[in-house]
Amino acid sequence: MANQTFLLFLLNFLDAVFTIYWVRNGFASEGNHLMASLLDMGDMPFLLVKIAVGATAAIVLWRWSDFKLARYGLGLALTIYVGLMGIHFVTGLSAFGYISGAMVNDFAVWSSRVFC
């Protein structure tokens, strides 16, 4: 379970770094209003809070890993972060011109139908 909690923390960190890059370069916006407010204050407040939240979640899940709920929670969190990495990947492909804006819009419509 230690490897999975480290992976969760790593994915959380990568999400923060990619988000800062995409937002600062005008390719995306932060969807979480609280985190967007922190990003408006600067990269460091955003990064510190994001890392603190990720570290807290990873520590709590690792500490209580003998509980079934913690194992399910970790699996769910990893699934969500892998999905977020997919979104970052598509954003990167779009930002660097490998896919068109129309394709990104089609992906957004498809994902909103699947996940909403």
Protein backbone atom coordinates (compact mmCIF):
# COMPACT_ATOMS: atom_id res chain seq x y z
CA MET A 1 0.00 0.00 0.00
CA ALA A 2 3.00 2.32 0.50
CA ASN A 3 3.71 2.28 -3.25
CA GLN A 4 0.13 3.24 -4.08
CA THR A 5 0.11 6.10 -1.57
CA PHE A 6 3.41 7.39 -2.97
CA LEU A 7 1.91 7.15 -6.48
CA LEU A 8 -1.11 9.15 -5.28
CA PHE A 9 1.17 11.86 -3.90
CA LEU A 10 3.25 11.88 -7.10
CA LEU A 11 0.16 12.18 -9.32
CA ASN A 12 -1.13 15.00 -7.10
CA PHE A 13 2.20 16.81 -7.49
CA LEU A 14 2.24 16.32 -11.27
CA ASP A 15 -1.35 17.59 -11.45
CA ALA A 16 -0.25 20.76 -9.64
CA VAL A 17 2.77 21.33 -11.88
CA PHE A 18 0.84 20.68 -15.10
CA THR A 19 -2.02 22.90 -13.93
CA ILE A 20 0.35 25.79 -13.23
CA TYR A 21 1.98 25.35 -16.65
CA TRP A 22 -1.30 25.14 -18.62
CA VAL A 23 -2.92 28.04 -16.77
CA ARG A 24 0.10 30.34 -16.90
CA ASN A 25 0.50 29.71 -20.64
CA GLY A 26 -3.20 30.30 -21.38
CA PHE A 27 -4.07 26.75 -22.43
CA ALA A 28 -6.48 25.96 -19.60
CA SER A 29 -8.12 27.31 -16.47
CA GLU A 30 -8.37 25.87 -12.97
CA GLY A 31 -11.81 24.31 -12.50
CA ASN A 32 -11.75 24.35 -8.69
CA HIS A 33 -12.68 27.88 -7.57
CA LEU A 34 -10.77 27.63 -4.27
CA MET A 35 -7.61 26.45 -6.01
CA ALA A 36 -8.12 29.07 -8.75
CA SER A 37 -8.14 31.75 -6.04
CA LEU A 38 -4.88 30.39 -4.66
CA LEU A 39 -3.41 30.34 -8.17
CA ASP A 40 -4.42 33.98 -8.57
CA MET A 41 -2.30 34.71 -5.46
CA GLY A 42 0.70 33.03 -7.08
CA ASP A 43 2.22 29.70 -7.97
CA MET A 44 3.71 29.05 -4.53
CA PRO A 45 0.47 29.34 -2.48
CA PHE A 46 -1.26 27.05 -4.98
CA LEU A 47 1.58 24.53 -4.96
CA LEU A 48 1.95 24.52 -1.17
CA VAL A 49 -1.76 23.93 -0.55
CA LYS A 50 -1.96 21.30 -3.30
CA ILE A 51 1.04 19.44 -1.86
CA ALA A 52 -0.29 19.73 1.70
CA VAL A 53 -3.67 18.31 0.70
CA GLY A 54 -2.06 15.51 -1.32
CA ALA A 55 0.38 14.64 1.45
CA THR A 56 -2.37 14.63 4.07
CA ALA A 57 -4.55 12.35 1.97
CA ALA A 58 -1.66 9.99 1.24
CA ILE A 59 -0.61 9.83 4.90
CA VAL A 60 -4.15 9.22 6.14
CA LEU A 61 -4.78 6.49 3.57
CA TRP A 62 -1.42 4.85 4.28
CA ARG A 63 -1.83 5.09 8.06
CA TRP A 64 -5.23 3.41 8.00
CA SER A 65 -4.48 1.10 5.11
CA ASP A 66 -5.62 -1.91 7.12
CA PHE A 67 -9.20 -0.63 6.81
CA LYS A 68 -11.14 -1.68 3.74
CA LEU A 69 -12.54 1.84 3.31
CA ALA A 70 -9.02 3.29 3.06
CA ARG A 71 -8.09 0.76 0.37
CA TYR A 72 -11.24 1.61 -1.59
CA GLY A 73 -10.58 5.32 -1.11
CA LEU A 74 -7.04 4.96 -2.37
CA GLY A 75 -8.24 3.05 -5.42
CA LEU A 76 -10.84 5.71 -6.15
CA ALA A 77 -8.34 8.55 -5.69
CA LEU A 78 -5.82 6.86 -7.99
CA THR A 79 -8.53 6.32 -10.62
CA ILE A 80 -9.47 10.00 -10.47
CA TYR A 81 -5.84 11.13 -10.74
CA VAL A 82 -5.15 8.82 -13.67
CA GLY A 83 -8.17 10.43 -15.36
CA LEU A 84 -6.74 13.86 -14.59
CA MET A 85 -3.45 12.82 -16.15
CA GLY A 86 -5.44 11.88 -19.26
CA ILE A 87 -6.93 15.37 -19.30
CA HIS A 88 -3.47 16.89 -18.94
CA PHE A 89 -2.28 14.68 -21.81
CA VAL A 90 -5.11 15.87 -24.09
CA THR A 91 -4.44 19.46 -23.03
CA GLY A 92 -0.78 19.00 -23.97
CA LEU A 93 -1.65 17.52 -27.34
CA SER A 94 -3.92 20.47 -28.01
CA ALA A 95 -1.44 23.05 -26.71
CA PHE A 96 1.31 21.77 -28.97
CA GLY A 97 -0.98 21.53 -31.99
CA TYR A 98 -1.21 17.75 -32.30
CA ILE A 99 -5.01 17.74 -32.07
CA SER A 100 -7.52 20.34 -33.20
CA GLY A 101 -9.76 22.52 -31.06
CA ALA A 102 -12.78 20.75 -32.55
CA MET A 103 -11.46 17.41 -31.35
CA VAL A 104 -10.93 18.84 -27.86
CA ASN A 105 -14.50 20.15 -27.87
CA ASP A 106 -15.77 16.73 -28.95
CA PHE A 107 -13.76 15.15 -26.12
CA ALA A 108 -15.23 17.66 -23.63
CA VAL A 109 -18.79 16.89 -24.77
CA TRP A 110 -18.16 13.15 -24.61
CA SER A 111 -16.57 13.32 -21.16
CA SER A 112 -19.36 15.49 -19.76
CA ARG A 113 -21.91 12.92 -20.96
CA VAL A 114 -19.95 10.06 -19.41
CA PHE A 115 -19.05 11.68 -16.09
CA CYS A 116 -22.02 13.97 -15.41
